[in-house]
Each structure stands twice: as structure tokens, then as C-alpha cells.
Amino acid sequence: MPKTSNGDFNQKEYNAKWRAENMMRVSATYKNEFVLSFRKACQKLGISQAEVIRNAMQDAIDQAKKMKVDQKLTGT
């Protein structure tokens, strides 16, 4: 466990180490107008940008899994 200089548990260091080992960043660059429109849409809908992106990523994963299952069923 990470410790501070006085021997106490260092929560900040622990969190940083866990994040480095378990999380990845996804980055993309888009035109300003598109991003600003996206931000406003998320605010209007009351959802976070991260939630929209996470849902889109999960949908892509689910579609790919379904495609793989369909291919096994049809033999293609």
C-alpha cells in the first residue's frame, strides 16, 4: 500500500496507481461547432458527455458480439 513520508496510507497515490493499471483514455478531435452542439445537446438532455460516449461504445461492442453470434449460427 502506498504510504506518505510519515507512514500514513496515501489515498491519492493509490488512486493514481489503480487508474494507471485499470483505466484507458479515449480521445478524439472534432470541429468546434460540432463539439459545442454536442455539449449543449447533452446539457439539454440532462446526461453527461461521458455517458453518451460510453453508451455508444457499448452499443458497438454489443453489435460486434451479435454479429459474431449470427455468423456462428449461419455458418458465414
N, C-alpha and C. Protein backbone atom coordinates (compact mmCIF):
# COMPACT_ATOMS: atom_id res chain seq x y z
N MET A 1 0.83 -1.18 0.00
CA MET A 1 0.00 0.00 0.00
C MET A 1 0.88 1.25 0.00
N PRO A 2 0.54 2.24 -0.80
CA PRO A 2 1.33 3.47 -0.83
C PRO A 2 1.22 4.23 0.50
N LYS A 3 2.33 4.72 0.95
CA LYS A 3 2.37 5.44 2.23
C LYS A 3 2.97 6.82 2.02
N THR A 4 2.57 7.76 2.86
CA THR A 4 3.18 9.09 2.85
C THR A 4 4.49 9.01 3.63
N SER A 5 5.22 10.12 3.67
CA SER A 5 6.51 10.14 4.36
C SER A 5 6.36 9.85 5.85
N ASN A 6 5.19 10.17 6.43
CA ASN A 6 5.01 9.89 7.86
C ASN A 6 4.40 8.51 8.11
N GLY A 7 4.25 7.69 7.05
CA GLY A 7 3.79 6.32 7.20
C GLY A 7 2.30 6.12 7.03
N ASP A 8 1.55 7.21 6.84
CA ASP A 8 0.11 7.09 6.64
C ASP A 8 -0.20 6.58 5.23
N PHE A 9 -1.36 5.96 5.09
CA PHE A 9 -1.82 5.49 3.78
C PHE A 9 -2.02 6.68 2.86
N ASN A 10 -1.53 6.58 1.61
CA ASN A 10 -1.63 7.68 0.65
C ASN A 10 -2.73 7.35 -0.36
N GLN A 11 -3.94 7.84 -0.11
CA GLN A 11 -5.09 7.55 -0.96
C GLN A 11 -4.89 8.10 -2.37
N LYS A 12 -4.32 9.27 -2.48
CA LYS A 12 -4.12 9.91 -3.79
C LYS A 12 -3.19 9.07 -4.67
N GLU A 13 -2.10 8.60 -4.09
CA GLU A 13 -1.14 7.77 -4.83
C GLU A 13 -1.77 6.43 -5.20
N TYR A 14 -2.53 5.86 -4.27
CA TYR A 14 -3.22 4.59 -4.53
C TYR A 14 -4.19 4.74 -5.70
N ASN A 15 -4.99 5.82 -5.69
CA ASN A 15 -5.95 6.07 -6.78
C ASN A 15 -5.24 6.24 -8.11
N ALA A 16 -4.15 6.97 -8.13
CA ALA A 16 -3.40 7.20 -9.37
C ALA A 16 -2.84 5.89 -9.91
N LYS A 17 -2.31 5.05 -9.03
CA LYS A 17 -1.76 3.76 -9.44
C LYS A 17 -2.87 2.86 -9.98
N TRP A 18 -4.02 2.81 -9.29
CA TRP A 18 -5.14 1.99 -9.74
C TRP A 18 -5.63 2.46 -11.10
N ARG A 19 -5.77 3.78 -11.26
CA ARG A 19 -6.25 4.35 -12.53
C ARG A 19 -5.29 4.01 -13.67
N ALA A 20 -3.99 4.09 -13.42
CA ALA A 20 -2.99 3.78 -14.44
C ALA A 20 -3.05 2.31 -14.86
N GLU A 21 -3.36 1.43 -13.92
CA GLU A 21 -3.40 -0.01 -14.21
C GLU A 21 -4.73 -0.47 -14.80
N ASN A 22 -5.81 0.25 -14.54
CA ASN A 22 -7.15 -0.25 -14.87
C ASN A 22 -7.97 0.60 -15.84
N MET A 23 -7.52 1.78 -16.15
CA MET A 23 -8.32 2.68 -16.98
C MET A 23 -7.52 3.11 -18.21
N MET A 24 -8.25 3.39 -19.29
CA MET A 24 -7.63 3.93 -20.50
C MET A 24 -8.42 5.16 -20.92
N ARG A 25 -7.76 6.05 -21.62
CA ARG A 25 -8.39 7.27 -22.10
C ARG A 25 -8.70 7.12 -23.58
N VAL A 26 -9.88 7.59 -23.97
CA VAL A 26 -10.27 7.62 -25.38
C VAL A 26 -10.31 9.09 -25.78
N SER A 27 -9.66 9.42 -26.86
CA SER A 27 -9.57 10.81 -27.27
C SER A 27 -9.94 10.97 -28.73
N ALA A 28 -10.60 12.07 -29.04
CA ALA A 28 -10.97 12.37 -30.43
C ALA A 28 -10.99 13.88 -30.60
N THR A 29 -10.77 14.33 -31.83
CA THR A 29 -10.77 15.75 -32.13
C THR A 29 -11.82 16.02 -33.20
N TYR A 30 -12.68 17.00 -32.92
CA TYR A 30 -13.75 17.37 -33.85
C TYR A 30 -13.80 18.88 -33.98
N LYS A 31 -14.52 19.35 -34.99
CA LYS A 31 -14.66 20.79 -35.19
C LYS A 31 -15.37 21.41 -33.99
N ASN A 32 -15.00 22.64 -33.68
CA ASN A 32 -15.54 23.35 -32.52
C ASN A 32 -17.07 23.36 -32.51
N GLU A 33 -17.67 23.70 -33.63
CA GLU A 33 -19.13 23.81 -33.71
C GLU A 33 -19.80 22.48 -33.35
N PHE A 34 -19.24 21.39 -33.83
CA PHE A 34 -19.79 20.06 -33.55
C PHE A 34 -19.72 19.75 -32.06
N VAL A 35 -18.58 20.02 -31.44
CA VAL A 35 -18.39 19.74 -30.01
C VAL A 35 -19.31 20.62 -29.16
N LEU A 36 -19.42 21.89 -29.52
CA LEU A 36 -20.29 22.79 -28.76
C LEU A 36 -21.75 22.36 -28.87
N SER A 37 -22.15 21.92 -30.05
CA SER A 37 -23.52 21.42 -30.24
C SER A 37 -23.75 20.16 -29.41
N PHE A 38 -22.75 19.29 -29.37
CA PHE A 38 -22.83 18.07 -28.57
C PHE A 38 -22.98 18.40 -27.08
N ARG A 39 -22.16 19.34 -26.60
CA ARG A 39 -22.24 19.75 -25.19
C ARG A 39 -23.63 20.28 -24.85
N LYS A 40 -24.14 21.15 -25.70
CA LYS A 40 -25.46 21.74 -25.46
C LYS A 40 -26.54 20.66 -25.48
N ALA A 41 -26.44 19.72 -26.41
CA ALA A 41 -27.42 18.64 -26.50
C ALA A 41 -27.40 17.79 -25.23
N CYS A 42 -26.21 17.48 -24.73
CA CYS A 42 -26.10 16.69 -23.51
C CYS A 42 -26.70 17.44 -22.32
N GLN A 43 -26.42 18.73 -22.23
CA GLN A 43 -26.98 19.53 -21.15
C GLN A 43 -28.50 19.55 -21.23
N LYS A 44 -29.03 19.74 -22.43
CA LYS A 44 -30.47 19.79 -22.63
C LYS A 44 -31.12 18.47 -22.25
N LEU A 45 -30.45 17.36 -22.57
CA LEU A 45 -30.97 16.03 -22.26
C LEU A 45 -30.70 15.61 -20.81
N GLY A 46 -29.85 16.36 -20.13
CA GLY A 46 -29.54 16.05 -18.73
C GLY A 46 -28.67 14.82 -18.56
N ILE A 47 -27.80 14.57 -19.55
CA ILE A 47 -26.88 13.43 -19.47
C ILE A 47 -25.45 13.92 -19.68
N SER A 48 -24.51 13.18 -19.14
CA SER A 48 -23.12 13.59 -19.29
C SER A 48 -22.58 13.17 -20.66
N GLN A 49 -21.58 13.90 -21.11
CA GLN A 49 -20.91 13.54 -22.37
C GLN A 49 -20.31 12.14 -22.25
N ALA A 50 -19.73 11.85 -21.11
CA ALA A 50 -19.12 10.53 -20.90
C ALA A 50 -20.16 9.42 -21.01
N GLU A 51 -21.37 9.66 -20.50
CA GLU A 51 -22.42 8.65 -20.57
C GLU A 51 -22.81 8.37 -22.02
N VAL A 52 -22.93 9.42 -22.83
CA VAL A 52 -23.28 9.25 -24.24
C VAL A 52 -22.19 8.45 -24.96
N ILE A 53 -20.94 8.81 -24.71
CA ILE A 53 -19.82 8.13 -25.36
C ILE A 53 -19.73 6.68 -24.90
N ARG A 54 -19.88 6.46 -23.59
CA ARG A 54 -19.83 5.10 -23.05
C ARG A 54 -20.95 4.24 -23.65
N ASN A 55 -22.15 4.80 -23.77
CA ASN A 55 -23.27 4.05 -24.36
C ASN A 55 -23.01 3.73 -25.82
N ALA A 56 -22.44 4.67 -26.57
CA ALA A 56 -22.12 4.42 -27.98
C ALA A 56 -21.06 3.32 -28.10
N MET A 57 -20.07 3.35 -27.22
CA MET A 57 -19.04 2.31 -27.24
C MET A 57 -19.64 0.95 -26.90
N GLN A 58 -20.51 0.91 -25.89
CA GLN A 58 -21.13 -0.36 -25.50
C GLN A 58 -22.03 -0.88 -26.62
N ASP A 59 -22.75 0.01 -27.31
CA ASP A 59 -23.58 -0.41 -28.45
C ASP A 59 -22.73 -1.05 -29.54
N ALA A 60 -21.57 -0.46 -29.84
CA ALA A 60 -20.67 -1.01 -30.86
C ALA A 60 -20.17 -2.39 -30.44
N ILE A 61 -19.82 -2.54 -29.17
CA ILE A 61 -19.36 -3.83 -28.65
C ILE A 61 -20.48 -4.87 -28.77
N ASP A 62 -21.69 -4.48 -28.36
CA ASP A 62 -22.83 -5.40 -28.42
C ASP A 62 -23.15 -5.82 -29.85
N GLN A 63 -23.10 -4.87 -30.78
CA GLN A 63 -23.35 -5.18 -32.19
C GLN A 63 -22.31 -6.16 -32.73
N ALA A 64 -21.05 -5.93 -32.37
CA ALA A 64 -19.98 -6.82 -32.84
C ALA A 64 -20.16 -8.23 -32.27
N LYS A 65 -20.56 -8.32 -31.00
CA LYS A 65 -20.80 -9.64 -30.39
C LYS A 65 -21.98 -10.33 -31.08
N LYS A 66 -23.04 -9.57 -31.35
CA LYS A 66 -24.21 -10.15 -32.01
C LYS A 66 -23.84 -10.63 -33.41
N MET A 67 -23.04 -9.84 -34.11
CA MET A 67 -22.61 -10.22 -35.45
C MET A 67 -21.83 -11.53 -35.40
N LYS A 68 -20.98 -11.67 -34.39
CA LYS A 68 -20.18 -12.88 -34.24
C LYS A 68 -21.09 -14.08 -33.97
N VAL A 69 -22.11 -13.91 -33.12
CA VAL A 69 -23.06 -14.98 -32.83
C VAL A 69 -23.86 -15.32 -34.08
N ASP A 70 -24.33 -14.31 -34.80
CA ASP A 70 -25.10 -14.53 -36.03
C ASP A 70 -24.27 -15.30 -37.05
N GLN A 71 -22.98 -14.98 -37.15
CA GLN A 71 -22.11 -15.67 -38.10
C GLN A 71 -21.96 -17.13 -37.72
N LYS A 72 -21.88 -17.42 -36.43
CA LYS A 72 -21.78 -18.81 -35.98
C LYS A 72 -23.06 -19.57 -36.31
N LEU A 73 -24.21 -18.90 -36.13
CA LEU A 73 -25.49 -19.56 -36.38
C LEU A 73 -25.72 -19.84 -37.86
N THR A 74 -25.27 -18.90 -38.71
CA THR A 74 -25.49 -19.06 -40.15
C THR A 74 -24.34 -19.76 -40.84
N GLY A 75 -23.22 -19.89 -40.15
CA GLY A 75 -22.06 -20.55 -40.74
C GLY A 75 -21.31 -19.69 -41.73
N THR A 76 -21.50 -18.36 -41.66
CA THR A 76 -20.79 -17.45 -42.57
C THR A 76 -19.69 -16.71 -41.87
